[in-house]
Amino acid sequence: MSSYTLLVLVQRLIDIYGWVIVIWCLMSWLPRTGGLLDDIRAAMGMLVEPFLNVFRRFIPPVMGVDFSPVVAILALTLIERVLYYLIL
């Protein structure tokens, strides 16, 4: 596997994970009904929560708003750029 192929694969995985964070945040605004949507939300939460908890330790909610997803997406972008320069 070439370094370019590896880079593209890692970038796509980071992009997908970022979108999972965004979708999970949007789903958190929906009421819980106990159906398939809650199962999807729980599965996404198992993927997203451990990563967000890293940032929640350092960033407390401001007036009830959790900014850890924003910081997490910024961190993913930074990681993606660093990997780009390291691999190429």
C-alpha atoms as a PDB file:
ATOM      1  CA  MET A   1       0.000   0.000   0.000  1.00  0.00           C
ATOM      2  CA  SER A   2       1.488   3.325  -1.013  1.00  0.00           C
ATOM      3  CA  SER A   3       1.793   6.212   1.404  1.00  0.00           C
ATOM      4  CA  TYR A   4      -0.714   8.212  -0.632  1.00  0.00           C
ATOM      5  CA  THR A   5      -3.299   5.423  -0.392  1.00  0.00           C
ATOM      6  CA  LEU A   6      -2.712   5.189   3.344  1.00  0.00           C
ATOM      7  CA  LEU A   7      -3.089   8.949   3.684  1.00  0.00           C
ATOM      8  CA  VAL A   8      -6.370   8.983   1.765  1.00  0.00           C
ATOM      9  CA  LEU A   9      -7.706   6.102   3.858  1.00  0.00           C
ATOM     10  CA  VAL A  10      -6.804   7.822   7.127  1.00  0.00           C
ATOM     11  CA  GLN A  11      -8.289  11.110   5.916  1.00  0.00           C
ATOM     12  CA  ARG A  12     -11.565   9.412   4.982  1.00  0.00           C
ATOM     13  CA  LEU A  13     -11.764   7.658   8.344  1.00  0.00           C
ATOM     14  CA  ILE A  14     -11.159  10.940  10.169  1.00  0.00           C
ATOM     15  CA  ASP A  15     -13.794  12.667   8.016  1.00  0.00           C
ATOM     16  CA  ILE A  16     -16.326   9.922   8.720  1.00  0.00           C
ATOM     17  CA  TYR A  17     -15.613  10.081  12.448  1.00  0.00           C
ATOM     18  CA  GLY A  18     -16.082  13.858  12.389  1.00  0.00           C
ATOM     19  CA  TRP A  19     -19.462  13.418  10.715  1.00  0.00           C
ATOM     20  CA  VAL A  20     -20.423  10.798  13.295  1.00  0.00           C
ATOM     21  CA  ILE A  21     -19.710  13.390  15.999  1.00  0.00           C
ATOM     22  CA  VAL A  22     -21.839  16.008  14.217  1.00  0.00           C
ATOM     23  CA  ILE A  23     -24.746  13.614  13.643  1.00  0.00           C
ATOM     24  CA  TRP A  24     -24.564  12.375  17.241  1.00  0.00           C
ATOM     25  CA  CYS A  25     -24.735  15.987  18.475  1.00  0.00           C
ATOM     26  CA  LEU A  26     -27.759  16.707  16.294  1.00  0.00           C
ATOM     27  CA  MET A  27     -29.458  13.515  17.455  1.00  0.00           C
ATOM     28  CA  SER A  28     -28.945  14.550  21.076  1.00  0.00           C
ATOM     29  CA  TRP A  29     -31.445  17.372  20.501  1.00  0.00           C
ATOM     30  CA  LEU A  30     -34.190  14.938  19.473  1.00  0.00           C
ATOM     31  CA  PRO A  31     -36.554  13.542  22.106  1.00  0.00           C
ATOM     32  CA  ARG A  32     -35.948   9.967  23.201  1.00  0.00           C
ATOM     33  CA  THR A  33     -38.703   7.670  22.028  1.00  0.00           C
ATOM     34  CA  GLY A  34     -37.219   4.256  22.800  1.00  0.00           C
ATOM     35  CA  GLY A  35     -37.138   3.026  19.227  1.00  0.00           C
ATOM     36  CA  LEU A  36     -34.591   2.428  16.514  1.00  0.00           C
ATOM     37  CA  LEU A  37     -33.408   6.038  16.737  1.00  0.00           C
ATOM     38  CA  ASP A  38     -32.373   5.523  20.354  1.00  0.00           C
ATOM     39  CA  ASP A  39     -30.473   2.375  19.416  1.00  0.00           C
ATOM     40  CA  ILE A  40     -28.602   4.280  16.710  1.00  0.00           C
ATOM     41  CA  ARG A  41     -27.917   7.137  19.133  1.00  0.00           C
ATOM     42  CA  ALA A  42     -26.575   4.679  21.726  1.00  0.00           C
ATOM     43  CA  ALA A  43     -24.308   2.980  19.177  1.00  0.00           C
ATOM     44  CA  MET A  44     -22.973   6.320  17.994  1.00  0.00           C
ATOM     45  CA  GLY A  45     -22.501   7.373  21.610  1.00  0.00           C
ATOM     46  CA  MET A  46     -20.300   4.350  22.243  1.00  0.00           C
ATOM     47  CA  LEU A  47     -18.093   5.509  19.361  1.00  0.00           C
ATOM     48  CA  VAL A  48     -18.088   9.217  20.197  1.00  0.00           C
ATOM     49  CA  GLU A  49     -18.253   9.524  23.997  1.00  0.00           C
ATOM     50  CA  PRO A  50     -14.758   8.165  24.825  1.00  0.00           C
ATOM     51  CA  PHE A  51     -13.127  10.679  22.474  1.00  0.00           C
ATOM     52  CA  LEU A  52     -15.285  13.563  23.717  1.00  0.00           C
ATOM     53  CA  ASN A  53     -14.592  12.685  27.360  1.00  0.00           C
ATOM     54  CA  VAL A  54     -10.927  13.491  26.768  1.00  0.00           C
ATOM     55  CA  PHE A  55     -11.904  17.094  26.043  1.00  0.00           C
ATOM     56  CA  ARG A  56     -14.675  17.285  28.646  1.00  0.00           C
ATOM     57  CA  ARG A  57     -12.056  16.849  31.367  1.00  0.00           C
ATOM     58  CA  PHE A  58     -10.527  20.189  30.375  1.00  0.00           C
ATOM     59  CA  ILE A  59     -13.487  22.128  28.958  1.00  0.00           C
ATOM     60  CA  PRO A  60     -16.457  22.559  31.287  1.00  0.00           C
ATOM     61  CA  PRO A  61     -19.895  23.347  29.826  1.00  0.00           C
ATOM     62  CA  VAL A  62     -20.541  27.062  29.400  1.00  0.00           C
ATOM     63  CA  MET A  63     -24.093  28.010  30.407  1.00  0.00           C
ATOM     64  CA  GLY A  64     -25.194  24.429  29.769  1.00  0.00           C
ATOM     65  CA  VAL A  65     -23.571  24.169  26.338  1.00  0.00           C
ATOM     66  CA  ASP A  66     -20.957  21.462  25.813  1.00  0.00           C
ATOM     67  CA  PHE A  67     -18.221  22.684  23.483  1.00  0.00           C
ATOM     68  CA  SER A  68     -16.224  19.451  23.561  1.00  0.00           C
ATOM     69  CA  PRO A  69     -17.576  18.289  20.148  1.00  0.00           C
ATOM     70  CA  VAL A  70     -16.312  21.496  18.542  1.00  0.00           C
ATOM     71  CA  VAL A  71     -12.886  21.091  20.113  1.00  0.00           C
ATOM     72  CA  ALA A  72     -12.863  17.392  19.175  1.00  0.00           C
ATOM     73  CA  ILE A  73     -13.550  18.182  15.515  1.00  0.00           C
ATOM     74  CA  LEU A  74     -10.825  20.837  15.560  1.00  0.00           C
ATOM     75  CA  ALA A  75      -8.449  18.261  17.069  1.00  0.00           C
ATOM     76  CA  LEU A  76      -9.375  15.762  14.348  1.00  0.00           C
ATOM     77  CA  THR A  77      -8.628  18.395  11.718  1.00  0.00           C
ATOM     78  CA  LEU A  78      -5.271  19.117  13.332  1.00  0.00           C
ATOM     79  CA  ILE A  79      -4.434  15.406  13.496  1.00  0.00           C
ATOM     80  CA  GLU A  80      -5.394  15.021   9.849  1.00  0.00           C
ATOM     81  CA  ARG A  81      -3.108  17.866   8.793  1.00  0.00           C
ATOM     82  CA  VAL A  82      -0.187  16.628  10.872  1.00  0.00           C
ATOM     83  CA  LEU A  83      -0.544  13.146   9.381  1.00  0.00           C
ATOM     84  CA  TYR A  84      -0.656  14.685   5.915  1.00  0.00           C
ATOM     85  CA  TYR A  85       2.709  16.355   6.441  1.00  0.00           C
ATOM     86  CA  LEU A  86       4.232  13.305   8.128  1.00  0.00           C
ATOM     87  CA  ILE A  87       3.174  10.828   5.455  1.00  0.00           C
ATOM     88  CA  LEU A  88       3.868  12.965   2.388  1.00  0.00           C
END
